[in-house]
Amino acid sequence: MNEKPAFWFPVKAYGWGWGPPVRWQGWVVLGLYFVLIGAGIHAFAPQGDVVALIVSILAATVALVAIVVAKGERPVGWRWGKRR
């Protein structure tokens, strides 16, 4: 019985933070993030509206981090890999 964990984003083995998604929902969220970044670049870069581009990227990033915090494994500190 090899069940996937309930969280979408596991903590990294080394360092602090989260690694790549382990469930399809996490991959959808990550893909949507990149689509939003691309849409912001497409919408604001041709007009040269740098402030709007930065705001759109920050909004997408804040949303991504909020989802990862809500649906990810809780990091409990700096990790040095698996210890025996």
PDB file of N, CA and C in Angstrom:
ATOM      1  N   MET A   1       0.850  -1.173   0.000  1.00  0.00           N
ATOM      2  CA  MET A   1       0.000   0.000   0.000  1.00  0.00           C
ATOM      3  C   MET A   1       0.897   1.239   0.000  1.00  0.00           C
ATOM      4  N   ASN A   2       0.976   1.912  -1.135  1.00  0.00           N
ATOM      5  CA  ASN A   2       1.841   3.076  -1.298  1.00  0.00           C
ATOM      6  C   ASN A   2       0.969   4.311  -1.520  1.00  0.00           C
ATOM      7  N   GLU A   3       0.409   4.866  -0.443  1.00  0.00           N
ATOM      8  CA  GLU A   3      -0.472   6.019  -0.538  1.00  0.00           C
ATOM      9  C   GLU A   3       0.342   7.297  -0.607  1.00  0.00           C
ATOM     10  N   LYS A   4      -0.169   8.248  -1.414  1.00  0.00           N
ATOM     11  CA  LYS A   4       0.473   9.553  -1.461  1.00  0.00           C
ATOM     12  C   LYS A   4       0.068  10.345  -0.218  1.00  0.00           C
ATOM     13  N   PRO A   5       0.943  11.225   0.263  1.00  0.00           N
ATOM     14  CA  PRO A   5       0.603  12.024   1.436  1.00  0.00           C
ATOM     15  C   PRO A   5      -0.547  12.991   1.124  1.00  0.00           C
ATOM     16  N   ALA A   6      -1.208  13.462   2.158  1.00  0.00           N
ATOM     17  CA  ALA A   6      -2.343  14.357   1.994  1.00  0.00           C
ATOM     18  C   ALA A   6      -1.912  15.763   1.565  1.00  0.00           C
ATOM     19  N   PHE A   7      -0.704  16.161   1.906  1.00  0.00           N
ATOM     20  CA  PHE A   7      -0.257  17.506   1.534  1.00  0.00           C
ATOM     21  C   PHE A   7       0.152  17.543   0.070  1.00  0.00           C
ATOM     22  N   TRP A   8       0.100  18.733  -0.507  1.00  0.00           N
ATOM     23  CA  TRP A   8       0.418  18.898  -1.930  1.00  0.00           C
ATOM     24  C   TRP A   8       1.904  19.185  -2.149  1.00  0.00           C
ATOM     25  N   PHE A   9       2.543  19.845  -1.188  1.00  0.00           N
ATOM     26  CA  PHE A   9       3.942  20.253  -1.320  1.00  0.00           C
ATOM     27  C   PHE A   9       4.737  19.749  -0.118  1.00  0.00           C
ATOM     28  N   PRO A  10       5.707  18.844  -0.313  1.00  0.00           N
ATOM     29  CA  PRO A  10       6.508  18.352   0.814  1.00  0.00           C
ATOM     30  C   PRO A  10       7.627  19.336   1.151  1.00  0.00           C
ATOM     31  N   VAL A  11       8.145  19.223   2.370  1.00  0.00           N
ATOM     32  CA  VAL A  11       9.307  20.045   2.715  1.00  0.00           C
ATOM     33  C   VAL A  11      10.529  19.505   1.975  1.00  0.00           C
ATOM     34  N   LYS A  12      11.514  20.366   1.767  1.00  0.00           N
ATOM     35  CA  LYS A  12      12.743  19.955   1.095  1.00  0.00           C
ATOM     36  C   LYS A  12      13.590  19.103   2.035  1.00  0.00           C
ATOM     37  N   ALA A  13      14.407  18.243   1.460  1.00  0.00           N
ATOM     38  CA  ALA A  13      15.297  17.416   2.272  1.00  0.00           C
ATOM     39  C   ALA A  13      16.443  18.237   2.851  1.00  0.00           C
ATOM     40  N   TYR A  14      16.883  19.238   2.125  1.00  0.00           N
ATOM     41  CA  TYR A  14      17.982  20.093   2.568  1.00  0.00           C
ATOM     42  C   TYR A  14      17.525  21.541   2.514  1.00  0.00           C
ATOM     43  N   GLY A  15      17.785  22.286   3.571  1.00  0.00           N
ATOM     44  CA  GLY A  15      17.408  23.689   3.599  1.00  0.00           C
ATOM     45  C   GLY A  15      16.049  23.886   4.246  1.00  0.00           C
ATOM     46  N   TRP A  16      15.426  25.035   3.938  1.00  0.00           N
ATOM     47  CA  TRP A  16      14.124  25.364   4.491  1.00  0.00           C
ATOM     48  C   TRP A  16      13.183  25.653   3.349  1.00  0.00           C
ATOM     49  N   GLY A  17      11.962  25.209   3.452  1.00  0.00           N
ATOM     50  CA  GLY A  17      10.966  25.497   2.429  1.00  0.00           C
ATOM     51  C   GLY A  17      10.381  24.220   1.855  1.00  0.00           C
ATOM     52  N   TRP A  18       9.773  24.361   0.692  1.00  0.00           N
ATOM     53  CA  TRP A  18       9.049  23.258   0.080  1.00  0.00           C
ATOM     54  C   TRP A  18       9.685  22.843  -1.229  1.00  0.00           C
ATOM     55  N   GLY A  19       9.490  21.589  -1.569  1.00  0.00           N
ATOM     56  CA  GLY A  19       9.977  21.046  -2.822  1.00  0.00           C
ATOM     57  C   GLY A  19       8.868  21.011  -3.862  1.00  0.00           C
ATOM     58  N   PRO A  20       9.096  20.292  -4.952  1.00  0.00           N
ATOM     59  CA  PRO A  20       8.078  20.185  -6.003  1.00  0.00           C
ATOM     60  C   PRO A  20       6.827  19.470  -5.488  1.00  0.00           C
ATOM     61  N   PRO A  21       5.695  19.715  -6.118  1.00  0.00           N
ATOM     62  CA  PRO A  21       4.441  19.076  -5.676  1.00  0.00           C
ATOM     63  C   PRO A  21       4.511  17.556  -5.750  1.00  0.00           C
ATOM     64  N   VAL A  22       3.704  16.905  -4.903  1.00  0.00           N
ATOM     65  CA  VAL A  22       3.619  15.446  -4.913  1.00  0.00           C
ATOM     66  C   VAL A  22       2.227  14.966  -5.306  1.00  0.00           C
ATOM     67  N   ARG A  23       1.291  15.868  -5.475  1.00  0.00           N
ATOM     68  CA  ARG A  23      -0.063  15.520  -5.893  1.00  0.00           C
ATOM     69  C   ARG A  23      -0.446  16.356  -7.108  1.00  0.00           C
ATOM     70  N   TRP A  24      -1.419  15.877  -7.862  1.00  0.00           N
ATOM     71  CA  TRP A  24      -1.799  16.573  -9.091  1.00  0.00           C
ATOM     72  C   TRP A  24      -2.325  17.978  -8.810  1.00  0.00           C
ATOM     73  N   GLN A  25      -2.962  18.178  -7.652  1.00  0.00           N
ATOM     74  CA  GLN A  25      -3.485  19.501  -7.322  1.00  0.00           C
ATOM     75  C   GLN A  25      -2.354  20.525  -7.196  1.00  0.00           C
ATOM     76  N   GLY A  26      -1.250  20.094  -6.627  1.00  0.00           N
ATOM     77  CA  GLY A  26      -0.094  20.979  -6.512  1.00  0.00           C
ATOM     78  C   GLY A  26       0.476  21.337  -7.865  1.00  0.00           C
ATOM     79  N   TRP A  27       0.500  20.352  -8.779  1.00  0.00           N
ATOM     80  CA  TRP A  27       0.994  20.635 -10.133  1.00  0.00           C
ATOM     81  C   TRP A  27       0.075  21.605 -10.865  1.00  0.00           C
ATOM     82  N   VAL A  28      -1.227  21.500 -10.626  1.00  0.00           N
ATOM     83  CA  VAL A  28      -2.176  22.445 -11.245  1.00  0.00           C
ATOM     84  C   VAL A  28      -1.919  23.855 -10.713  1.00  0.00           C
ATOM     85  N   VAL A  29      -1.729  23.975  -9.413  1.00  0.00           N
ATOM     86  CA  VAL A  29      -1.456  25.281  -8.812  1.00  0.00           C
ATOM     87  C   VAL A  29      -0.163  25.861  -9.376  1.00  0.00           C
ATOM     88  N   LEU A  30       0.879  25.062  -9.465  1.00  0.00           N
ATOM     89  CA  LEU A  30       2.156  25.536  -9.999  1.00  0.00           C
ATOM     90  C   LEU A  30       2.027  25.929 -11.471  1.00  0.00           C
ATOM     91  N   GLY A  31       1.311  25.126 -12.247  1.00  0.00           N
ATOM     92  CA  GLY A  31       1.079  25.458 -13.652  1.00  0.00           C
ATOM     93  C   GLY A  31       0.295  26.746 -13.811  1.00  0.00           C
ATOM     94  N   LEU A  32      -0.728  26.932 -12.982  1.00  0.00           N
ATOM     95  CA  LEU A  32      -1.523  28.161 -13.030  1.00  0.00           C
ATOM     96  C   LEU A  32      -0.669  29.373 -12.680  1.00  0.00           C
ATOM     97  N   TYR A  33       0.245  29.201 -11.742  1.00  0.00           N
ATOM     98  CA  TYR A  33       1.162  30.288 -11.378  1.00  0.00           C
ATOM     99  C   TYR A  33       1.971  30.729 -12.595  1.00  0.00           C
ATOM    100  N   PHE A  34       2.525  29.762 -13.321  1.00  0.00           N
ATOM    101  CA  PHE A  34       3.322  30.113 -14.507  1.00  0.00           C
ATOM    102  C   PHE A  34       2.461  30.722 -15.609  1.00  0.00           C
ATOM    103  N   VAL A  35       1.232  30.258 -15.744  1.00  0.00           N
ATOM    104  CA  VAL A  35       0.313  30.858 -16.720  1.00  0.00           C
ATOM    105  C   VAL A  35       0.031  32.313 -16.349  1.00  0.00           C
ATOM    106  N   LEU A  36      -0.189  32.579 -15.059  1.00  0.00           N
ATOM    107  CA  LEU A  36      -0.439  33.954 -14.621  1.00  0.00           C
ATOM    108  C   LEU A  36       0.778  34.850 -14.839  1.00  0.00           C
ATOM    109  N   ILE A  37       1.963  34.326 -14.598  1.00  0.00           N
ATOM    110  CA  ILE A  37       3.180  35.105 -14.848  1.00  0.00           C
ATOM    111  C   ILE A  37       3.298  35.417 -16.343  1.00  0.00           C
ATOM    112  N   GLY A  38       3.069  34.413 -17.174  1.00  0.00           N
ATOM    113  CA  GLY A  38       3.115  34.628 -18.626  1.00  0.00           C
ATOM    114  C   GLY A  38       2.062  35.610 -19.095  1.00  0.00           C
ATOM    115  N   ALA A  39       0.859  35.533 -18.530  1.00  0.00           N
ATOM    116  CA  ALA A  39      -0.206  36.468 -18.907  1.00  0.00           C
ATOM    117  C   ALA A  39       0.157  37.892 -18.506  1.00  0.00           C
ATOM    118  N   GLY A  40       0.772  38.037 -17.335  1.00  0.00           N
ATOM    119  CA  GLY A  40       1.201  39.363 -16.908  1.00  0.00           C
ATOM    120  C   GLY A  40       2.268  39.936 -17.823  1.00  0.00           C
ATOM    121  N   ILE A  41       3.211  39.106 -18.221  1.00  0.00           N
ATOM    122  CA  ILE A  41       4.263  39.553 -19.142  1.00  0.00           C
ATOM    123  C   ILE A  41       3.649  39.935 -20.483  1.00  0.00           C
ATOM    124  N   HIS A  42       2.739  39.109 -20.952  1.00  0.00           N
ATOM    125  CA  HIS A  42       2.094  39.379 -22.250  1.00  0.00           C
ATOM    126  C   HIS A  42       1.251  40.656 -22.199  1.00  0.00           C
ATOM    127  N   ALA A  43       0.566  40.882 -21.091  1.00  0.00           N
ATOM    128  CA  ALA A  43      -0.336  42.023 -20.991  1.00  0.00           C
ATOM    129  C   ALA A  43       0.386  43.342 -20.738  1.00  0.00           C
ATOM    130  N   PHE A  44       1.444  43.319 -19.938  1.00  0.00           N
ATOM    131  CA  PHE A  44       2.047  44.578 -19.505  1.00  0.00           C
ATOM    132  C   PHE A  44       3.392  44.899 -20.133  1.00  0.00           C
ATOM    133  N   ALA A  45       4.148  43.914 -20.566  1.00  0.00           N
ATOM    134  CA  ALA A  45       5.478  44.196 -21.113  1.00  0.00           C
ATOM    135  C   ALA A  45       5.428  44.964 -22.436  1.00  0.00           C
ATOM    136  N   PRO A  46       4.519  44.650 -23.382  1.00  0.00           N
ATOM    137  CA  PRO A  46       4.522  45.406 -24.645  1.00  0.00           C
ATOM    138  C   PRO A  46       4.256  46.896 -24.454  1.00  0.00           C
ATOM    139  N   GLN A  47       3.461  47.257 -23.442  1.00  0.00           N
ATOM    140  CA  GLN A  47       3.177  48.666 -23.200  1.00  0.00           C
ATOM    141  C   GLN A  47       4.264  49.321 -22.355  1.00  0.00           C
ATOM    142  N   GLY A  48       5.151  48.518 -21.795  1.00  0.00           N
ATOM    143  CA  GLY A  48       6.224  49.065 -20.969  1.00  0.00           C
ATOM    144  C   GLY A  48       5.751  49.485 -19.589  1.00  0.00           C
ATOM    145  N   ASP A  49       4.620  48.969 -19.129  1.00  0.00           N
ATOM    146  CA  ASP A  49       4.095  49.302 -17.812  1.00  0.00           C
ATOM    147  C   ASP A  49       4.758  48.404 -16.766  1.00  0.00           C
ATOM    148  N   VAL A  50       5.938  48.793 -16.349  1.00  0.00           N
ATOM    149  CA  VAL A  50       6.747  47.976 -15.448  1.00  0.00           C
ATOM    150  C   VAL A  50       6.092  47.830 -14.080  1.00  0.00           C
ATOM    151  N   VAL A  51       5.478  48.873 -13.585  1.00  0.00           N
ATOM    152  CA  VAL A  51       4.846  48.817 -12.260  1.00  0.00           C
ATOM    153  C   VAL A  51       3.704  47.803 -12.270  1.00  0.00           C
ATOM    154  N   ALA A  52       2.875  47.832 -13.288  1.00  0.00           N
ATOM    155  CA  ALA A  52       1.763  46.871 -13.377  1.00  0.00           C
ATOM    156  C   ALA A  52       2.296  45.443 -13.511  1.00  0.00           C
ATOM    157  N   LEU A  53       3.368  45.264 -14.249  1.00  0.00           N
ATOM    158  CA  LEU A  53       3.976  43.937 -14.393  1.00  0.00           C
ATOM    159  C   LEU A  53       4.480  43.428 -13.050  1.00  0.00           C
ATOM    160  N   ILE A  54       5.178  44.267 -12.309  1.00  0.00           N
ATOM    161  CA  ILE A  54       5.698  43.869 -10.999  1.00  0.00           C
ATOM    162  C   ILE A  54       4.559  43.563 -10.040  1.00  0.00           C
ATOM    163  N   VAL A  55       3.510  44.379 -10.055  1.00  0.00           N
ATOM    164  CA  VAL A  55       2.357  44.141  -9.174  1.00  0.00           C
ATOM    165  C   VAL A  55       1.683  42.815  -9.522  1.00  0.00           C
ATOM    166  N   SER A  56       1.545  42.518 -10.817  1.00  0.00           N
ATOM    167  CA  SER A  56       0.897  41.260 -11.210  1.00  0.00           C
ATOM    168  C   SER A  56       1.746  40.052 -10.802  1.00  0.00           C
ATOM    169  N   ILE A  57       3.055  40.155 -10.941  1.00  0.00           N
ATOM    170  CA  ILE A  57       3.943  39.062 -10.530  1.00  0.00           C
ATOM    171  C   ILE A  57       3.906  38.893  -9.007  1.00  0.00           C
ATOM    172  N   LEU A  58       3.923  39.990  -8.275  1.00  0.00           N
ATOM    173  CA  LEU A  58       3.848  39.903  -6.805  1.00  0.00           C
ATOM    174  C   LEU A  58       2.524  39.308  -6.357  1.00  0.00           C
ATOM    175  N   ALA A  59       1.419  39.687  -6.996  1.00  0.00           N
ATOM    176  CA  ALA A  59       0.106  39.143  -6.622  1.00  0.00           C
ATOM    177  C   ALA A  59       0.061  37.636  -6.867  1.00  0.00           C
ATOM    178  N   ALA A  60       0.575  37.188  -8.007  1.00  0.00           N
ATOM    179  CA  ALA A  60       0.595  35.751  -8.310  1.00  0.00           C
ATOM    180  C   ALA A  60       1.489  35.010  -7.324  1.00  0.00           C
ATOM    181  N   THR A  61       2.619  35.600  -6.964  1.00  0.00           N
ATOM    182  CA  THR A  61       3.553  34.962  -6.036  1.00  0.00           C
ATOM    183  C   THR A  61       2.971  34.878  -4.629  1.00  0.00           C
ATOM    184  N   VAL A  62       2.319  35.940  -4.184  1.00  0.00           N
ATOM    185  CA  VAL A  62       1.682  35.921  -2.861  1.00  0.00           C
ATOM    186  C   VAL A  62       0.598  34.846  -2.821  1.00  0.00           C
ATOM    187  N   ALA A  63      -0.189  34.738  -3.888  1.00  0.00           N
ATOM    188  CA  ALA A  63      -1.226  33.705  -3.949  1.00  0.00           C
ATOM    189  C   ALA A  63      -0.602  32.308  -3.908  1.00  0.00           C
ATOM    190  N   LEU A  64       0.488  32.104  -4.657  1.00  0.00           N
ATOM    191  CA  LEU A  64       1.163  30.805  -4.655  1.00  0.00           C
ATOM    192  C   LEU A  64       1.686  30.458  -3.262  1.00  0.00           C
ATOM    193  N   VAL A  65       2.341  31.386  -2.619  1.00  0.00           N
ATOM    194  CA  VAL A  65       2.897  31.129  -1.287  1.00  0.00           C
ATOM    195  C   VAL A  65       1.769  30.840  -0.294  1.00  0.00           C
ATOM    196  N   ALA A  66       0.663  31.555  -0.392  1.00  0.00           N
ATOM    197  CA  ALA A  66      -0.464  31.307   0.513  1.00  0.00           C
ATOM    198  C   ALA A  66      -1.012  29.897   0.330  1.00  0.00           C
ATOM    199  N   ILE A  67      -1.117  29.443  -0.909  1.00  0.00           N
ATOM    200  CA  ILE A  67      -1.612  28.091  -1.171  1.00  0.00           C
ATOM    201  C   ILE A  67      -0.617  27.051  -0.673  1.00  0.00           C
ATOM    202  N   VAL A  68       0.672  27.289  -0.910  1.00  0.00           N
ATOM    203  CA  VAL A  68       1.690  26.331  -0.464  1.00  0.00           C
ATOM    204  C   VAL A  68       1.707  26.236   1.061  1.00  0.00           C
ATOM    205  N   VAL A  69       1.569  27.349   1.745  1.00  0.00           N
ATOM    206  CA  VAL A  69       1.533  27.324   3.211  1.00  0.00           C
ATOM    207  C   VAL A  69       0.298  26.568   3.694  1.00  0.00           C
ATOM    208  N   ALA A  70      -0.844  26.788   3.030  1.00  0.00           N
ATOM    209  CA  ALA A  70      -2.087  26.140   3.450  1.00  0.00           C
ATOM    210  C   ALA A  70      -2.102  24.650   3.134  1.00  0.00           C
ATOM    211  N   LYS A  71      -1.538  24.254   1.991  1.00  0.00           N
ATOM    212  CA  LYS A  71      -1.640  22.872   1.531  1.00  0.00           C
ATOM    213  C   LYS A  71      -0.330  22.095   1.597  1.00  0.00           C
ATOM    214  N   GLY A  72       0.721  22.731   2.076  1.00  0.00           N
ATOM    215  CA  GLY A  72       2.015  22.062   2.135  1.00  0.00           C
ATOM    216  C   GLY A  72       2.314  21.495   3.511  1.00  0.00           C
ATOM    217  N   GLU A  73       3.310  20.621   3.530  1.00  0.00           N
ATOM    218  CA  GLU A  73       3.801  20.060   4.785  1.00  0.00           C
ATOM    219  C   GLU A  73       4.429  21.195   5.601  1.00  0.00           C
ATOM    220  N   ARG A  74       4.273  21.156   6.894  1.00  0.00           N
ATOM    221  CA  ARG A  74       4.782  22.230   7.744  1.00  0.00           C
ATOM    222  C   ARG A  74       6.292  22.096   7.933  1.00  0.00           C
ATOM    223  N   PRO A  75       7.066  23.097   7.455  1.00  0.00           N
ATOM    224  CA  PRO A  75       8.511  23.052   7.710  1.00  0.00           C
ATOM    225  C   PRO A  75       8.774  23.408   9.174  1.00  0.00           C
ATOM    226  N   VAL A  76       9.634  22.636   9.810  1.00  0.00           N
ATOM    227  CA  VAL A  76       9.895  22.849  11.235  1.00  0.00           C
ATOM    228  C   VAL A  76      11.303  23.368  11.494  1.00  0.00           C
ATOM    229  N   GLY A  77      11.981  23.774  10.491  1.00  0.00           N
ATOM    230  CA  GLY A  77      13.325  24.299  10.662  1.00  0.00           C
ATOM    231  C   GLY A  77      14.221  23.860   9.520  1.00  0.00           C
ATOM    232  N   TRP A  78      15.446  24.258   9.602  1.00  0.00           N
ATOM    233  CA  TRP A  78      16.422  23.910   8.581  1.00  0.00           C
ATOM    234  C   TRP A  78      16.644  22.412   8.578  1.00  0.00           C
ATOM    235  N   ARG A  79      16.663  21.802   7.397  1.00  0.00           N
ATOM    236  CA  ARG A  79      16.845  20.351   7.301  1.00  0.00           C
ATOM    237  C   ARG A  79      18.184  20.043   6.660  1.00  0.00           C
ATOM    238  N   TRP A  80      18.809  19.006   7.163  1.00  0.00           N
ATOM    239  CA  TRP A  80      20.140  18.589   6.678  1.00  0.00           C
ATOM    240  C   TRP A  80      20.081  17.236   6.002  1.00  0.00           C
ATOM    241  N   GLY A  81      18.923  16.858   5.503  1.00  0.00           N
ATOM    242  CA  GLY A  81      18.774  15.553   4.866  1.00  0.00           C
ATOM    243  C   GLY A  81      18.273  14.533   5.866  1.00  0.00           C
ATOM    244  N   LYS A  82      18.232  13.295   5.438  1.00  0.00           N
ATOM    245  CA  LYS A  82      17.740  12.245   6.328  1.00  0.00           C
ATOM    246  C   LYS A  82      18.843  11.856   7.310  1.00  0.00           C
ATOM    247  N   ARG A  83      18.479  11.884   8.583  1.00  0.00           N
ATOM    248  CA  ARG A  83      19.432  11.483   9.617  1.00  0.00           C
ATOM    249  C   ARG A  83      19.070  10.086  10.101  1.00  0.00           C
ATOM    250  N   ARG A  84      20.077   9.306  10.401  1.00  0.00           N
ATOM    251  CA  ARG A  84      19.819   7.939  10.883  1.00  0.00           C
ATOM    252  C   ARG A  84      19.774   7.899  12.374  1.00  0.00           C
TER     253      ARG A  84
END
